[in-house]
PDB file of N, CA and C in Angstrom:
ATOM      1  N   MET A   1      97.186  90.925  86.184  1.00  0.00           N
ATOM      2  CA  MET A   1      97.696  92.270  86.341  1.00  0.00           C
ATOM      3  C   MET A   1      98.388  92.708  85.051  1.00  0.00           C
ATOM      4  N   ILE A   2      99.180  91.815  84.480  1.00  0.00           N
ATOM      5  CA  ILE A   2      99.899  92.154  83.247  1.00  0.00           C
ATOM      6  C   ILE A   2      98.913  92.459  82.127  1.00  0.00           C
ATOM      7  N   GLN A   3      97.862  91.645  82.035  1.00  0.00           N
ATOM      8  CA  GLN A   3      96.868  91.863  80.980  1.00  0.00           C
ATOM      9  C   GLN A   3      96.138  93.189  81.173  1.00  0.00           C
ATOM     10  N   LEU A   4      95.848  93.538  82.431  1.00  0.00           N
ATOM     11  CA  LEU A   4      95.199  94.823  82.695  1.00  0.00           C
ATOM     12  C   LEU A   4      96.102  95.990  82.331  1.00  0.00           C
ATOM     13  N   LEU A   5      97.382  95.872  82.645  1.00  0.00           N
ATOM     14  CA  LEU A   5      98.321  96.942  82.307  1.00  0.00           C
ATOM     15  C   LEU A   5      98.474  97.089  80.797  1.00  0.00           C
ATOM     16  N   LYS A   6      98.488  95.975  80.082  1.00  0.00           N
ATOM     17  CA  LYS A   6      98.566  96.044  78.619  1.00  0.00           C
ATOM     18  C   LYS A   6      97.304  96.671  78.036  1.00  0.00           C
ATOM     19  N   ALA A   7      96.148  96.358  78.640  1.00  0.00           N
ATOM     20  CA  ALA A   7      94.896  96.972  78.186  1.00  0.00           C
ATOM     21  C   ALA A   7      94.894  98.470  78.467  1.00  0.00           C
ATOM     22  N   MET A   8      95.440  98.865  79.629  1.00  0.00           N
ATOM     23  CA  MET A   8      95.534 100.294  79.944  1.00  0.00           C
ATOM     24  C   MET A   8      96.443 101.007  78.952  1.00  0.00           C
ATOM     25  N   GLU A   9      97.517 100.347  78.556  1.00  0.00           N
ATOM     26  CA  GLU A   9      98.424 100.948  77.575  1.00  0.00           C
ATOM     27  C   GLU A   9      97.695 101.176  76.255  1.00  0.00           C
ATOM     28  N   GLN A  10      96.855 100.223  75.893  1.00  0.00           N
ATOM     29  CA  GLN A  10      96.104 100.328  74.639  1.00  0.00           C
ATOM     30  C   GLN A  10      95.017 101.410  74.741  1.00  0.00           C
ATOM     31  N   ASP A  11      94.258 101.381  75.841  1.00  0.00           N
ATOM     32  CA  ASP A  11      93.123 102.291  75.977  1.00  0.00           C
ATOM     33  C   ASP A  11      93.535 103.732  76.243  1.00  0.00           C
ATOM     34  N   PHE A  12      94.580 103.916  77.045  1.00  0.00           N
ATOM     35  CA  PHE A  12      94.985 105.262  77.434  1.00  0.00           C
ATOM     36  C   PHE A  12      96.295 105.672  76.777  1.00  0.00           C
ATOM     37  N   GLY A  13      96.544 105.161  75.605  1.00  0.00           N
ATOM     38  CA  GLY A  13      97.778 105.443  74.894  1.00  0.00           C
ATOM     39  C   GLY A  13      98.007 106.911  74.619  1.00  0.00           C
ATOM     40  N   ASP A  14      96.934 107.628  74.265  1.00  0.00           N
ATOM     41  CA  ASP A  14      97.104 109.054  73.963  1.00  0.00           C
ATOM     42  C   ASP A  14      97.486 109.855  75.206  1.00  0.00           C
ATOM     43  N   VAL A  15      96.914 109.508  76.364  1.00  0.00           N
ATOM     44  CA  VAL A  15      97.272 110.191  77.609  1.00  0.00           C
ATOM     45  C   VAL A  15      98.709 109.865  77.992  1.00  0.00           C
ATOM     46  N   LEU A  16      99.081 108.596  77.848  1.00  0.00           N
ATOM     47  CA  LEU A  16     100.445 108.183  78.177  1.00  0.00           C
ATOM     48  C   LEU A  16     101.460 108.894  77.287  1.00  0.00           C
ATOM     49  N   ASP A  17     101.131 109.036  76.019  1.00  0.00           N
ATOM     50  CA  ASP A  17     102.037 109.734  75.104  1.00  0.00           C
ATOM     51  C   ASP A  17     102.127 111.218  75.445  1.00  0.00           C
ATOM     52  N   LYS A  18     100.977 111.811  75.794  1.00  0.00           N
ATOM     53  CA  LYS A  18     100.953 113.232  76.129  1.00  0.00           C
ATOM     54  C   LYS A  18     101.802 113.530  77.368  1.00  0.00           C
ATOM     55  N   LYS A  19     101.783 112.602  78.337  1.00  0.00           N
ATOM     56  CA  LYS A  19     102.531 112.800  79.586  1.00  0.00           C
ATOM     57  C   LYS A  19     103.919 112.154  79.547  1.00  0.00           C
ATOM     58  N   ASN A  20     104.290 111.589  78.397  1.00  0.00           N
ATOM     59  CA  ASN A  20     105.561 110.863  78.251  1.00  0.00           C
ATOM     60  C   ASN A  20     105.701 109.754  79.291  1.00  0.00           C
ATOM     61  N   ALA A  21     104.625 108.996  79.488  1.00  0.00           N
ATOM     62  CA  ALA A  21     104.593 107.972  80.523  1.00  0.00           C
ATOM     63  C   ALA A  21     104.506 106.555  79.960  1.00  0.00           C
ATOM     64  N   ARG A  22     104.476 106.417  78.643  1.00  0.00           N
ATOM     65  CA  ARG A  22     104.347 105.081  78.060  1.00  0.00           C
ATOM     66  C   ARG A  22     105.539 104.194  78.426  1.00  0.00           C
ATOM     67  N   VAL A  23     106.724 104.763  78.446  1.00  0.00           N
ATOM     68  CA  VAL A  23     107.929 103.990  78.780  1.00  0.00           C
ATOM     69  C   VAL A  23     107.849 103.478  80.213  1.00  0.00           C
ATOM     70  N   SER A  24     107.320 104.288  81.110  1.00  0.00           N
ATOM     71  CA  SER A  24     107.184 103.864  82.505  1.00  0.00           C
ATOM     72  C   SER A  24     106.214 102.693  82.627  1.00  0.00           C
ATOM     73  N   LEU A  25     105.103 102.758  81.916  1.00  0.00           N
ATOM     74  CA  LEU A  25     104.144 101.655  81.952  1.00  0.00           C
ATOM     75  C   LEU A  25     104.741 100.389  81.346  1.00  0.00           C
ATOM     76  N   GLN A  26     105.482 100.528  80.284  1.00  0.00           N
ATOM     77  CA  GLN A  26     106.140  99.366  79.678  1.00  0.00           C
ATOM     78  C   GLN A  26     107.176  98.773  80.619  1.00  0.00           C
ATOM     79  N   GLN A  27     107.841  99.612  81.416  1.00  0.00           N
ATOM     80  CA  GLN A  27     108.806  99.114  82.386  1.00  0.00           C
ATOM     81  C   GLN A  27     108.099  98.280  83.451  1.00  0.00           C
ATOM     82  N   ILE A  28     106.938  98.719  83.897  1.00  0.00           N
ATOM     83  CA  ILE A  28     106.176  97.958  84.889  1.00  0.00           C
ATOM     84  C   ILE A  28     105.802  96.603  84.324  1.00  0.00           C
ATOM     85  N   ILE A  29     105.358  96.578  83.088  1.00  0.00           N
ATOM     86  CA  ILE A  29     104.985  95.314  82.453  1.00  0.00           C
ATOM     87  C   ILE A  29     106.204  94.400  82.344  1.00  0.00           C
ATOM     88  N   ARG A  30     107.359  94.971  81.947  1.00  0.00           N
ATOM     89  CA  ARG A  30     108.589  94.169  81.858  1.00  0.00           C
ATOM     90  C   ARG A  30     109.011  93.618  83.212  1.00  0.00           C
ATOM     91  N   GLU A  31     108.790  94.363  84.274  1.00  0.00           N
ATOM     92  CA  GLU A  31     109.158  93.898  85.613  1.00  0.00           C
ATOM     93  C   GLU A  31     108.259  92.750  86.067  1.00  0.00           C
ATOM     94  N   LEU A  32     107.002  92.753  85.638  1.00  0.00           N
ATOM     95  CA  LEU A  32     106.064  91.723  86.077  1.00  0.00           C
ATOM     96  C   LEU A  32     106.092  90.465  85.209  1.00  0.00           C
ATOM     97  N   GLU A  33     106.536  90.562  83.971  1.00  0.00           N
ATOM     98  CA  GLU A  33     106.517  89.397  83.085  1.00  0.00           C
ATOM     99  C   GLU A  33     107.358  88.214  83.585  1.00  0.00           C
ATOM    100  N   PRO A  34     108.533  88.425  84.194  1.00  0.00           N
ATOM    101  CA  PRO A  34     109.296  87.262  84.680  1.00  0.00           C
ATOM    102  C   PRO A  34     108.597  86.478  85.789  1.00  0.00           C
ATOM    103  N   THR A  35     107.613  87.082  86.454  1.00  0.00           N
ATOM    104  CA  THR A  35     106.895  86.346  87.492  1.00  0.00           C
ATOM    105  C   THR A  35     106.043  85.232  86.893  1.00  0.00           C
ATOM    106  N   GLN A  36     105.807  85.288  85.594  1.00  0.00           N
ATOM    107  CA  GLN A  36     104.971  84.287  84.938  1.00  0.00           C
ATOM    108  C   GLN A  36     105.779  83.224  84.200  1.00  0.00           C
ATOM    109  N   ASP A  37     107.099  83.255  84.342  1.00  0.00           N
ATOM    110  CA  ASP A  37     107.929  82.258  83.681  1.00  0.00           C
ATOM    111  C   ASP A  37     107.643  80.863  84.236  1.00  0.00           C
ATOM    112  N   THR A  38     107.844  79.875  83.396  1.00  0.00           N
ATOM    113  CA  THR A  38     107.612  78.493  83.785  1.00  0.00           C
ATOM    114  C   THR A  38     108.670  78.035  84.773  1.00  0.00           C
ATOM    115  N   LEU A  39     108.211  77.356  85.825  1.00  0.00           N
ATOM    116  CA  LEU A  39     109.136  76.728  86.763  1.00  0.00           C
ATOM    117  C   LEU A  39     109.433  75.329  86.259  1.00  0.00           C
ATOM    118  N   TRP A  40     110.691  75.029  86.058  1.00  0.00           N
ATOM    119  CA  TRP A  40     111.051  73.718  85.517  1.00  0.00           C
ATOM    120  C   TRP A  40     111.292  72.697  86.604  1.00  0.00           C
ATOM    121  N   SER A  41     111.289  73.114  87.839  1.00  0.00           N
ATOM    122  CA  SER A  41     111.472  72.205  88.957  1.00  0.00           C
ATOM    123  C   SER A  41     110.114  71.665  89.385  1.00  0.00           C
ATOM    124  N   PRO A  42     110.038  70.389  89.744  1.00  0.00           N
ATOM    125  CA  PRO A  42     108.756  69.861  90.226  1.00  0.00           C
ATOM    126  C   PRO A  42     108.407  70.400  91.612  1.00  0.00           C
ATOM    127  N   LEU A  43     109.378  71.018  92.289  1.00  0.00           N
ATOM    128  CA  LEU A  43     109.163  71.592  93.615  1.00  0.00           C
ATOM    129  C   LEU A  43     109.520  73.068  93.587  1.00  0.00           C
ATOM    130  N   VAL A  44     108.832  73.843  94.396  1.00  0.00           N
ATOM    131  CA  VAL A  44     109.213  75.234  94.584  1.00  0.00           C
ATOM    132  C   VAL A  44     110.167  75.247  95.767  1.00  0.00           C
ATOM    133  N   LEU A  45     111.424  75.558  95.484  1.00  0.00           N
ATOM    134  CA  LEU A  45     112.443  75.533  96.524  1.00  0.00           C
ATOM    135  C   LEU A  45     112.484  76.883  97.218  1.00  0.00           C
ATOM    136  N   ASN A  46     112.403  76.836  98.513  1.00  0.00           N
ATOM    137  CA  ASN A  46     112.409  78.056  99.300  1.00  0.00           C
ATOM    138  C   ASN A  46     113.502  77.947 100.342  1.00  0.00           C
ATOM    139  N   GLY A  47     114.728  78.036  99.875  1.00  0.00           N
ATOM    140  CA  GLY A  47     115.872  77.904 100.764  1.00  0.00           C
ATOM    141  C   GLY A  47     116.023  79.102 101.678  1.00  0.00           C
ATOM    142  N   SER A  48     116.973  79.018 102.544  1.00  0.00           N
ATOM    143  CA  SER A  48     117.216  80.132 103.464  1.00  0.00           C
ATOM    144  C   SER A  48     118.008  81.209 102.743  1.00  0.00           C
ATOM    145  N   GLY A  49     117.842  82.439 103.199  1.00  0.00           N
ATOM    146  CA  GLY A  49     118.485  83.633 102.677  1.00  0.00           C
ATOM    147  C   GLY A  49     119.496  83.467 101.571  1.00  0.00           C
ATOM    148  N   LEU A  50     120.756  83.249 101.908  1.00  0.00           N
ATOM    149  CA  LEU A  50     121.810  83.124 100.906  1.00  0.00           C
ATOM    150  C   LEU A  50     122.321  81.689 100.829  1.00  0.00           C
ATOM    151  N   GLY A  51     121.456  80.736 101.057  1.00  0.00           N
ATOM    152  CA  GLY A  51     121.844  79.336 101.069  1.00  0.00           C
ATOM    153  C   GLY A  51     122.047  78.768  99.681  1.00  0.00           C
ATOM    154  N   LEU A  52     122.185  77.476  99.618  1.00  0.00           N
ATOM    155  CA  LEU A  52     122.444  76.766  98.376  1.00  0.00           C
ATOM    156  C   LEU A  52     121.221  76.747  97.456  1.00  0.00           C
ATOM    157  N   LEU A  53     120.043  76.646  98.042  1.00  0.00           N
ATOM    158  CA  LEU A  53     118.814  76.587  97.251  1.00  0.00           C
ATOM    159  C   LEU A  53     118.274  77.986  97.004  1.00  0.00           C
ATOM    160  N   ALA A  54     117.658  78.164  95.869  1.00  0.00           N
ATOM    161  CA  ALA A  54     117.063  79.460  95.542  1.00  0.00           C
ATOM    162  C   ALA A  54     115.888  79.739  96.470  1.00  0.00           C
ATOM    163  N   ASN A  55     115.714  80.973  96.818  1.00  0.00           N
ATOM    164  CA  ASN A  55     114.594  81.370  97.659  1.00  0.00           C
ATOM    165  C   ASN A  55     113.535  81.995  96.763  1.00  0.00           C
ATOM    166  N   HIS A  56     112.533  81.198  96.401  1.00  0.00           N
ATOM    167  CA  HIS A  56     111.496  81.600  95.453  1.00  0.00           C
ATOM    168  C   HIS A  56     110.746  82.838  95.943  1.00  0.00           C
ATOM    169  N   SER A  57     110.447  82.888  97.227  1.00  0.00           N
ATOM    170  CA  SER A  57     109.711  84.031  97.773  1.00  0.00           C
ATOM    171  C   SER A  57     110.489  85.322  97.622  1.00  0.00           C
ATOM    172  N   LEU A  58     111.793  85.283  97.855  1.00  0.00           N
ATOM    173  CA  LEU A  58     112.608  86.486  97.709  1.00  0.00           C
ATOM    174  C   LEU A  58     112.704  86.937  96.261  1.00  0.00           C
ATOM    175  N   VAL A  59     112.769  85.991  95.345  1.00  0.00           N
ATOM    176  CA  VAL A  59     112.832  86.342  93.920  1.00  0.00           C
ATOM    177  C   VAL A  59     111.532  87.021  93.497  1.00  0.00           C
ATOM    178  N   MET A  60     110.390  86.436  93.890  1.00  0.00           N
ATOM    179  CA  MET A  60     109.099  87.036  93.544  1.00  0.00           C
ATOM    180  C   MET A  60     108.940  88.402  94.204  1.00  0.00           C
ATOM    181  N   ALA A  61     109.379  88.532  95.453  1.00  0.00           N
ATOM    182  CA  ALA A  61     109.286  89.813  96.149  1.00  0.00           C
ATOM    183  C   ALA A  61     110.132  90.871  95.448  1.00  0.00           C
ATOM    184  N   SER A  62     111.248  90.472  94.898  1.00  0.00           N
ATOM    185  CA  SER A  62     112.108  91.409  94.178  1.00  0.00           C
ATOM    186  C   SER A  62     111.405  91.950  92.935  1.00  0.00           C
ATOM    187  N   TYR A  63     110.775  91.063  92.172  1.00  0.00           N
ATOM    188  CA  TYR A  63     110.047  91.506  90.980  1.00  0.00           C
ATOM    189  C   TYR A  63     108.907  92.453  91.366  1.00  0.00           C
ATOM    190  N   ILE A  64     108.152  92.090  92.380  1.00  0.00           N
ATOM    191  CA  ILE A  64     107.010  92.892  92.807  1.00  0.00           C
ATOM    192  C   ILE A  64     107.474  94.247  93.344  1.00  0.00           C
ATOM    193  N   SER A  65     108.567  94.240  94.082  1.00  0.00           N
ATOM    194  CA  SER A  65     109.088  95.479  94.653  1.00  0.00           C
ATOM    195  C   SER A  65     109.526  96.455  93.563  1.00  0.00           C
ATOM    196  N   ARG A  66     110.211  95.944  92.538  1.00  0.00           N
ATOM    197  CA  ARG A  66     110.633  96.820  91.439  1.00  0.00           C
ATOM    198  C   ARG A  66     109.434  97.353  90.669  1.00  0.00           C
ATOM    199  N   ALA A  67     108.411  96.503  90.472  1.00  0.00           N
ATOM    200  CA  ALA A  67     107.205  96.959  89.781  1.00  0.00           C
ATOM    201  C   ALA A  67     106.484  98.006  90.623  1.00  0.00           C
ATOM    202  N   ASN A  68     106.454  97.821  91.948  1.00  0.00           N
ATOM    203  CA  ASN A  68     105.807  98.790  92.829  1.00  0.00           C
ATOM    204  C   ASN A  68     106.515 100.142  92.760  1.00  0.00           C
ATOM    205  N   ALA A  69     107.830 100.138  92.764  1.00  0.00           N
ATOM    206  CA  ALA A  69     108.584 101.394  92.659  1.00  0.00           C
ATOM    207  C   ALA A  69     108.286 102.081  91.326  1.00  0.00           C
ATOM    208  N   ALA A  70     108.180 101.303  90.258  1.00  0.00           N
ATOM    209  CA  ALA A  70     107.876 101.882  88.944  1.00  0.00           C
ATOM    210  C   ALA A  70     106.449 102.440  88.910  1.00  0.00           C
ATOM    211  N   ILE A  71     105.514 101.802  89.608  1.00  0.00           N
ATOM    212  CA  ILE A  71     104.136 102.298  89.665  1.00  0.00           C
ATOM    213  C   ILE A  71     104.088 103.628  90.408  1.00  0.00           C
ATOM    214  N   ILE A  72     104.859 103.736  91.487  1.00  0.00           N
ATOM    215  CA  ILE A  72     104.920 104.999  92.230  1.00  0.00           C
ATOM    216  C   ILE A  72     105.459 106.108  91.327  1.00  0.00           C
ATOM    217  N   ASP A  73     106.487 105.805  90.562  1.00  0.00           N
ATOM    218  CA  ASP A  73     107.044 106.790  89.628  1.00  0.00           C
ATOM    219  C   ASP A  73     106.031 107.173  88.556  1.00  0.00           C
ATOM    220  N   LEU A  74     105.302 106.187  88.057  1.00  0.00           N
ATOM    221  CA  LEU A  74     104.282 106.447  87.024  1.00  0.00           C
ATOM    222  C   LEU A  74     103.176 107.341  87.569  1.00  0.00           C
ATOM    223  N   ARG A  75     102.729 107.073  88.794  1.00  0.00           N
ATOM    224  CA  ARG A  75     101.693 107.913  89.400  1.00  0.00           C
ATOM    225  C   ARG A  75     102.165 109.355  89.527  1.00  0.00           C
ATOM    226  N   ALA A  76     103.394 109.523  89.979  1.00  0.00           N
ATOM    227  CA  ALA A  76     103.933 110.879  90.127  1.00  0.00           C
ATOM    228  C   ALA A  76     104.027 111.556  88.771  1.00  0.00           C
ATOM    229  N   LEU A  77     104.449 110.822  87.761  1.00  0.00           N
ATOM    230  CA  LEU A  77     104.579 111.376  86.423  1.00  0.00           C
ATOM    231  C   LEU A  77     103.230 111.806  85.867  1.00  0.00           C
ATOM    232  N   LEU A  78     102.212 110.980  86.085  1.00  0.00           N
ATOM    233  CA  LEU A  78     100.876 111.306  85.563  1.00  0.00           C
ATOM    234  C   LEU A  78     100.241 112.476  86.304  1.00  0.00           C
ATOM    235  N   THR A  79     100.506 112.615  87.595  1.00  0.00           N
ATOM    236  CA  THR A  79      99.898 113.722  88.325  1.00  0.00           C
ATOM    237  C   THR A  79     100.610 115.045  88.064  1.00  0.00           C
ATOM    238  N   GLN A  80     101.928 114.980  87.866  1.00  0.00           N
ATOM    239  CA  GLN A  80     102.694 116.209  87.638  1.00  0.00           C
ATOM    240  C   GLN A  80     102.741 116.598  86.174  1.00  0.00           C
ATOM    241  N   GLY A  81     102.910 115.577  85.315  1.00  0.00           N
ATOM    242  CA  GLY A  81     103.174 115.777  83.916  1.00  0.00           C
ATOM    243  C   GLY A  81     102.247 116.707  83.232  1.00  0.00           C
TER     244      GLY A  81
END
């Protein structure tokens, strides 16, 4: 997904600049990049809600949710802009 978004930024750069939407696309890419960070633990810990162990699913859902909100904003910007 990140590679496709970077390719879209390259291919449709003139449209993004015309609609002032390049920053929004870069924000989406920034939101998705932490999902690809290396896990240094040999196990994926999926603790309960606010427990002692990190909840990997909630962290990933947070990144995806923020990227989804930014995509909705980008769509609105491109259709209205």
